[in-house]
PDB file of N, CA and C in Angstrom:
ATOM      1  N   UNK A   1       2.923  28.677   6.488  1.00  0.00           N
ATOM      2  CA  UNK A   1       4.017  29.670   5.983  1.00  0.00           C
ATOM      3  C   UNK A   1       4.228  29.265   4.697  1.00  0.00           C
ATOM      4  N   UNK A   2       4.103  30.028   3.620  1.00  0.00           N
ATOM      5  CA  UNK A   2       4.329  29.643   2.171  1.00  0.00           C
ATOM      6  C   UNK A   2       5.687  30.010   1.726  1.00  0.00           C
ATOM      7  N   UNK A   3       6.166  29.019   0.870  1.00  0.00           N
ATOM      8  CA  UNK A   3       7.571  29.268   0.422  1.00  0.00           C
ATOM      9  C   UNK A   3       7.561  30.423  -0.491  1.00  0.00           C
ATOM     10  N   UNK A   4       8.939  31.294  -0.392  1.00  0.00           N
ATOM     11  CA  UNK A   4       9.005  32.324  -1.187  1.00  0.00           C
ATOM     12  C   UNK A   4       9.130  32.002  -2.681  1.00  0.00           C
ATOM     13  N   UNK A   5       8.677  32.728  -3.503  1.00  0.00           N
ATOM     14  CA  UNK A   5       8.549  32.638  -4.914  1.00  0.00           C
ATOM     15  C   UNK A   5       9.728  32.702  -5.411  1.00  0.00           C
ATOM     16  N   UNK A   6      10.469  31.729  -6.248  1.00  0.00           N
ATOM     17  CA  UNK A   6      11.777  31.746  -6.765  1.00  0.00           C
ATOM     18  C   UNK A   6      11.558  31.863  -8.234  1.00  0.00           C
ATOM     19  N   UNK A   7      12.313  32.710  -8.658  1.00  0.00           N
ATOM     20  CA  UNK A   7      12.429  32.975 -10.154  1.00  0.00           C
ATOM     21  C   UNK A   7      13.495  32.598 -10.841  1.00  0.00           C
ATOM     22  N   UNK A   8      13.377  32.023 -11.944  1.00  0.00           N
ATOM     23  CA  UNK A   8      14.521  31.542 -12.872  1.00  0.00           C
ATOM     24  C   UNK A   8      15.239  32.778 -13.466  1.00  0.00           C
ATOM     25  N   UNK A   9      16.376  32.756 -13.734  1.00  0.00           N
ATOM     26  CA  UNK A   9      17.088  33.666 -14.287  1.00  0.00           C
ATOM     27  C   UNK A   9      16.416  34.333 -15.592  1.00  0.00           C
ATOM     28  N   UNK A  10      16.167  33.564 -16.446  1.00  0.00           N
ATOM     29  CA  UNK A  10      15.595  34.051 -17.649  1.00  0.00           C
ATOM     30  C   UNK A  10      14.359  34.979 -17.350  1.00  0.00           C
ATOM     31  N   UNK A  11      13.375  34.480 -16.288  1.00  0.00           N
ATOM     32  CA  UNK A  11      12.191  35.334 -15.794  1.00  0.00           C
ATOM     33  C   UNK A  11      12.800  36.575 -15.251  1.00  0.00           C
ATOM     34  N   UNK A  12      13.900  36.721 -14.498  1.00  0.00           N
ATOM     35  CA  UNK A  12      14.360  37.970 -13.947  1.00  0.00           C
ATOM     36  C   UNK A  12      14.722  38.799 -15.099  1.00  0.00           C
ATOM     37  N   UNK A  13      15.558  38.409 -16.059  1.00  0.00           N
ATOM     38  CA  UNK A  13      16.212  39.102 -17.181  1.00  0.00           C
ATOM     39  C   UNK A  13      14.755  39.590 -18.021  1.00  0.00           C
ATOM     40  N   UNK A  14      13.873  38.795 -18.228  1.00  0.00           N
ATOM     41  CA  UNK A  14      12.680  39.304 -19.025  1.00  0.00           C
ATOM     42  C   UNK A  14      11.948  40.526 -18.335  1.00  0.00           C
ATOM     43  N   UNK A  15      11.941  40.475 -16.952  1.00  0.00           N
ATOM     44  CA  UNK A  15      11.058  41.388 -16.146  1.00  0.00           C
ATOM     45  C   UNK A  15      11.956  42.715 -16.256  1.00  0.00           C
ATOM     46  N   UNK A  16      13.251  42.652 -15.983  1.00  0.00           N
ATOM     47  CA  UNK A  16      13.868  43.931 -15.921  1.00  0.00           C
ATOM     48  C   UNK A  16      14.470  44.327 -17.271  1.00  0.00           C
ATOM     49  N   UNK A  17      14.165  43.664 -18.516  1.00  0.00           N
ATOM     50  CA  UNK A  17      14.591  43.732 -19.683  1.00  0.00           C
ATOM     51  C   UNK A  17      16.025  44.078 -19.773  1.00  0.00           C
ATOM     52  N   UNK A  18      16.821  42.840 -19.486  1.00  0.00           N
ATOM     53  CA  UNK A  18      18.253  43.187 -19.631  1.00  0.00           C
ATOM     54  C   UNK A  18      18.685  41.861 -20.026  1.00  0.00           C
ATOM     55  N   UNK A  19      19.994  42.023 -20.779  1.00  0.00           N
ATOM     56  CA  UNK A  19      20.573  40.775 -21.258  1.00  0.00           C
ATOM     57  C   UNK A  19      21.125  40.036 -20.211  1.00  0.00           C
ATOM     58  N   UNK A  20      21.524  38.771 -20.430  1.00  0.00           N
ATOM     59  CA  UNK A  20      22.253  38.099 -19.619  1.00  0.00           C
ATOM     60  C   UNK A  20      23.724  38.651 -19.270  1.00  0.00           C
ATOM     61  N   UNK A  21      24.446  38.991 -20.473  1.00  0.00           N
ATOM     62  CA  UNK A  21      25.486  39.646 -20.349  1.00  0.00           C
ATOM     63  C   UNK A  21      25.712  41.011 -19.294  1.00  0.00           C
ATOM     64  N   UNK A  22      24.768  41.697 -19.444  1.00  0.00           N
ATOM     65  CA  UNK A  22      24.754  43.114 -18.844  1.00  0.00           C
ATOM     66  C   UNK A  22      24.459  42.767 -17.359  1.00  0.00           C
ATOM     67  N   UNK A  23      23.279  41.832 -17.032  1.00  0.00           N
ATOM     68  CA  UNK A  23      23.182  41.333 -15.841  1.00  0.00           C
ATOM     69  C   UNK A  23      24.323  40.927 -15.035  1.00  0.00           C
ATOM     70  N   UNK A  24      25.336  39.915 -15.736  1.00  0.00           N
ATOM     71  CA  UNK A  24      26.231  39.324 -15.182  1.00  0.00           C
ATOM     72  C   UNK A  24      27.441  40.387 -14.774  1.00  0.00           C
ATOM     73  N   UNK A  25      27.612  41.504 -15.669  1.00  0.00           N
ATOM     74  CA  UNK A  25      28.363  42.703 -15.330  1.00  0.00           C
ATOM     75  C   UNK A  25      27.818  43.494 -14.160  1.00  0.00           C
ATOM     76  N   UNK A  26      26.599  43.682 -14.093  1.00  0.00           N
ATOM     77  CA  UNK A  26      26.036  44.378 -12.808  1.00  0.00           C
ATOM     78  C   UNK A  26      26.576  43.405 -11.703  1.00  0.00           C
ATOM     79  N   UNK A  27      26.195  42.103 -11.854  1.00  0.00           N
ATOM     80  CA  UNK A  27      26.521  41.144 -10.706  1.00  0.00           C
ATOM     81  C   UNK A  27      28.020  41.327 -10.405  1.00  0.00           C
ATOM     82  N   UNK A  28      28.845  41.317 -11.094  1.00  0.00           N
ATOM     83  CA  UNK A  28      30.338  41.521 -10.873  1.00  0.00           C
ATOM     84  C   UNK A  28      30.576  42.684 -10.111  1.00  0.00           C
ATOM     85  N   UNK A  29      29.771  43.700 -10.291  1.00  0.00           N
ATOM     86  CA  UNK A  29      30.119  45.069  -9.588  1.00  0.00           C
ATOM     87  C   UNK A  29      29.219  45.115  -8.144  1.00  0.00           C
ATOM     88  N   UNK A  30      28.544  44.013  -8.002  1.00  0.00           N
ATOM     89  CA  UNK A  30      27.640  44.052  -6.895  1.00  0.00           C
ATOM     90  C   UNK A  30      26.357  44.888  -6.557  1.00  0.00           C
ATOM     91  N   UNK A  31      25.800  45.064  -7.885  1.00  0.00           N
ATOM     92  CA  UNK A  31      24.674  45.923  -8.140  1.00  0.00           C
ATOM     93  C   UNK A  31      23.485  45.169  -8.500  1.00  0.00           C
ATOM     94  N   UNK A  32      23.551  43.825  -8.563  1.00  0.00           N
ATOM     95  CA  UNK A  32      22.565  42.975  -9.195  1.00  0.00           C
ATOM     96  C   UNK A  32      21.725  42.435  -8.069  1.00  0.00           C
ATOM     97  N   UNK A  33      20.383  41.979  -8.085  1.00  0.00           N
ATOM     98  CA  UNK A  33      19.465  41.411  -7.053  1.00  0.00           C
ATOM     99  C   UNK A  33      20.438  40.181  -6.429  1.00  0.00           C
ATOM    100  N   UNK A  34      19.917  39.812  -5.071  1.00  0.00           N
ATOM    101  CA  UNK A  34      20.580  38.734  -4.601  1.00  0.00           C
ATOM    102  C   UNK A  34      19.987  37.426  -5.351  1.00  0.00           C
ATOM    103  N   UNK A  35      21.001  36.407  -5.580  1.00  0.00           N
ATOM    104  CA  UNK A  35      20.759  35.299  -6.097  1.00  0.00           C
ATOM    105  C   UNK A  35      20.997  34.230  -5.393  1.00  0.00           C
ATOM    106  N   UNK A  36      20.330  32.818  -5.598  1.00  0.00           N
ATOM    107  CA  UNK A  36      20.449  31.612  -4.800  1.00  0.00           C
ATOM    108  C   UNK A  36      20.992  30.666  -5.691  1.00  0.00           C
ATOM    109  N   UNK A  37      21.911  29.956  -5.173  1.00  0.00           N
ATOM    110  CA  UNK A  37      22.525  28.629  -5.931  1.00  0.00           C
ATOM    111  C   UNK A  37      21.874  27.524  -5.203  1.00  0.00           C
ATOM    112  N   UNK A  38      21.149  26.898  -6.190  1.00  0.00           N
ATOM    113  CA  UNK A  38      20.544  25.772  -5.621  1.00  0.00           C
ATOM    114  C   UNK A  38      21.458  24.337  -5.584  1.00  0.00           C
ATOM    115  N   UNK A  39      21.221  23.445  -4.810  1.00  0.00           N
ATOM    116  CA  UNK A  39      22.240  22.270  -4.710  1.00  0.00           C
ATOM    117  C   UNK A  39      22.422  21.695  -6.218  1.00  0.00           C
ATOM    118  N   UNK A  40      21.516  21.874  -7.269  1.00  0.00           N
ATOM    119  CA  UNK A  40      21.778  21.112  -8.448  1.00  0.00           C
ATOM    120  C   UNK A  40      22.607  22.170  -9.325  1.00  0.00           C
ATOM    121  N   UNK A  41      22.768  23.304  -8.598  1.00  0.00           N
ATOM    122  CA  UNK A  41      23.491  24.384  -9.499  1.00  0.00           C
ATOM    123  C   UNK A  41      22.770  25.519 -10.428  1.00  0.00           C
ATOM    124  N   UNK A  42      21.554  25.150 -10.282  1.00  0.00           N
ATOM    125  CA  UNK A  42      20.814  26.209 -10.895  1.00  0.00           C
ATOM    126  C   UNK A  42      20.611  27.471 -10.097  1.00  0.00           C
ATOM    127  N   UNK A  43      20.471  28.720 -10.792  1.00  0.00           N
ATOM    128  CA  UNK A  43      20.374  29.969 -10.123  1.00  0.00           C
ATOM    129  C   UNK A  43      18.880  30.523 -10.159  1.00  0.00           C
ATOM    130  N   UNK A  44      18.590  31.060  -8.782  1.00  0.00           N
ATOM    131  CA  UNK A  44      17.067  31.543  -8.603  1.00  0.00           C
ATOM    132  C   UNK A  44      17.324  32.837  -7.906  1.00  0.00           C
ATOM    133  N   UNK A  45      16.071  33.641  -8.148  1.00  0.00           N
ATOM    134  CA  UNK A  45      16.054  34.813  -7.408  1.00  0.00           C
ATOM    135  C   UNK A  45      14.865  34.950  -6.621  1.00  0.00           C
ATOM    136  N   UNK A  46      14.742  35.182  -5.358  1.00  0.00           N
ATOM    137  CA  UNK A  46      13.554  35.249  -4.610  1.00  0.00           C
ATOM    138  C   UNK A  46      12.853  36.578  -4.971  1.00  0.00           C
ATOM    139  N   UNK A  47      11.609  36.272  -5.237  1.00  0.00           N
ATOM    140  CA  UNK A  47      10.781  37.431  -5.780  1.00  0.00           C
ATOM    141  C   UNK A  47      10.916  38.620  -4.948  1.00  0.00           C
ATOM    142  N   UNK A  48      10.837  38.293  -3.580  1.00  0.00           N
ATOM    143  CA  UNK A  48      10.899  39.408  -2.722  1.00  0.00           C
ATOM    144  C   UNK A  48      12.393  40.300  -2.870  1.00  0.00           C
ATOM    145  N   UNK A  49      13.439  39.479  -3.224  1.00  0.00           N
ATOM    146  CA  UNK A  49      14.745  40.313  -3.131  1.00  0.00           C
ATOM    147  C   UNK A  49      14.722  41.047  -4.662  1.00  0.00           C
ATOM    148  N   UNK A  50      13.956  40.565  -5.672  1.00  0.00           N
ATOM    149  CA  UNK A  50      14.016  41.241  -6.998  1.00  0.00           C
ATOM    150  C   UNK A  50      13.187  42.582  -6.695  1.00  0.00           C
ATOM    151  N   UNK A  51      11.867  42.495  -5.997  1.00  0.00           N
ATOM    152  CA  UNK A  51      11.175  43.474  -5.592  1.00  0.00           C
ATOM    153  C   UNK A  51      11.907  44.636  -4.833  1.00  0.00           C
ATOM    154  N   UNK A  52      12.718  44.138  -3.677  1.00  0.00           N
ATOM    155  CA  UNK A  52      13.497  45.205  -3.048  1.00  0.00           C
ATOM    156  C   UNK A  52      14.415  45.791  -3.942  1.00  0.00           C
ATOM    157  N   UNK A  53      15.132  45.237  -4.806  1.00  0.00           N
ATOM    158  CA  UNK A  53      16.284  45.566  -5.632  1.00  0.00           C
ATOM    159  C   UNK A  53      15.540  46.738  -6.731  1.00  0.00           C
ATOM    160  N   UNK A  54      14.321  46.392  -7.112  1.00  0.00           N
ATOM    161  CA  UNK A  54      13.714  47.412  -8.129  1.00  0.00           C
ATOM    162  C   UNK A  54      13.331  48.740  -7.526  1.00  0.00           C
ATOM    163  N   UNK A  55      12.753  48.379  -6.193  1.00  0.00           N
ATOM    164  CA  UNK A  55      12.600  49.459  -5.420  1.00  0.00           C
ATOM    165  C   UNK A  55      13.627  50.500  -5.094  1.00  0.00           C
ATOM    166  N   UNK A  56      14.832  49.865  -4.899  1.00  0.00           N
ATOM    167  CA  UNK A  56      15.943  50.723  -4.593  1.00  0.00           C
ATOM    168  C   UNK A  56      16.315  51.472  -5.742  1.00  0.00           C
ATOM    169  N   UNK A  57      16.174  51.152  -6.942  1.00  0.00           N
ATOM    170  CA  UNK A  57      16.569  51.974  -8.310  1.00  0.00           C
ATOM    171  C   UNK A  57      15.516  52.790  -8.505  1.00  0.00           C
ATOM    172  N   UNK A  58      14.152  52.645  -8.237  1.00  0.00           N
ATOM    173  CA  UNK A  58      13.146  53.612  -8.394  1.00  0.00           C
ATOM    174  C   UNK A  58      13.441  54.682  -7.515  1.00  0.00           C
ATOM    175  N   UNK A  59      13.810  54.535  -6.145  1.00  0.00           N
ATOM    176  CA  UNK A  59      13.987  55.559  -5.251  1.00  0.00           C
ATOM    177  C   UNK A  59      15.096  56.536  -5.549  1.00  0.00           C
ATOM    178  N   UNK A  60      16.318  55.792  -6.255  1.00  0.00           N
ATOM    179  CA  UNK A  60      17.400  56.613  -6.477  1.00  0.00           C
ATOM    180  C   UNK A  60      17.200  57.392  -7.787  1.00  0.00           C
ATOM    181  N   UNK A  61      16.111  57.164  -8.612  1.00  0.00           N
ATOM    182  CA  UNK A  61      16.007  57.658  -9.941  1.00  0.00           C
ATOM    183  C   UNK A  61      15.493  59.034  -9.835  1.00  0.00           C
TER     184      UNK A  61
END
């Protein structure tokens, strides 16, 4: 079983073409993809979670 691909926040922001500030505003409203906080404090997003989140917005458009 392979490990899920974990994206760094700058990679996520680049892919969705969004500023960090706009992303955190969405996150505060509960509208951002799920994030994982690693034991060292770094933030990651599972590739699968980002894809599901993007699909949900494509369906709503």
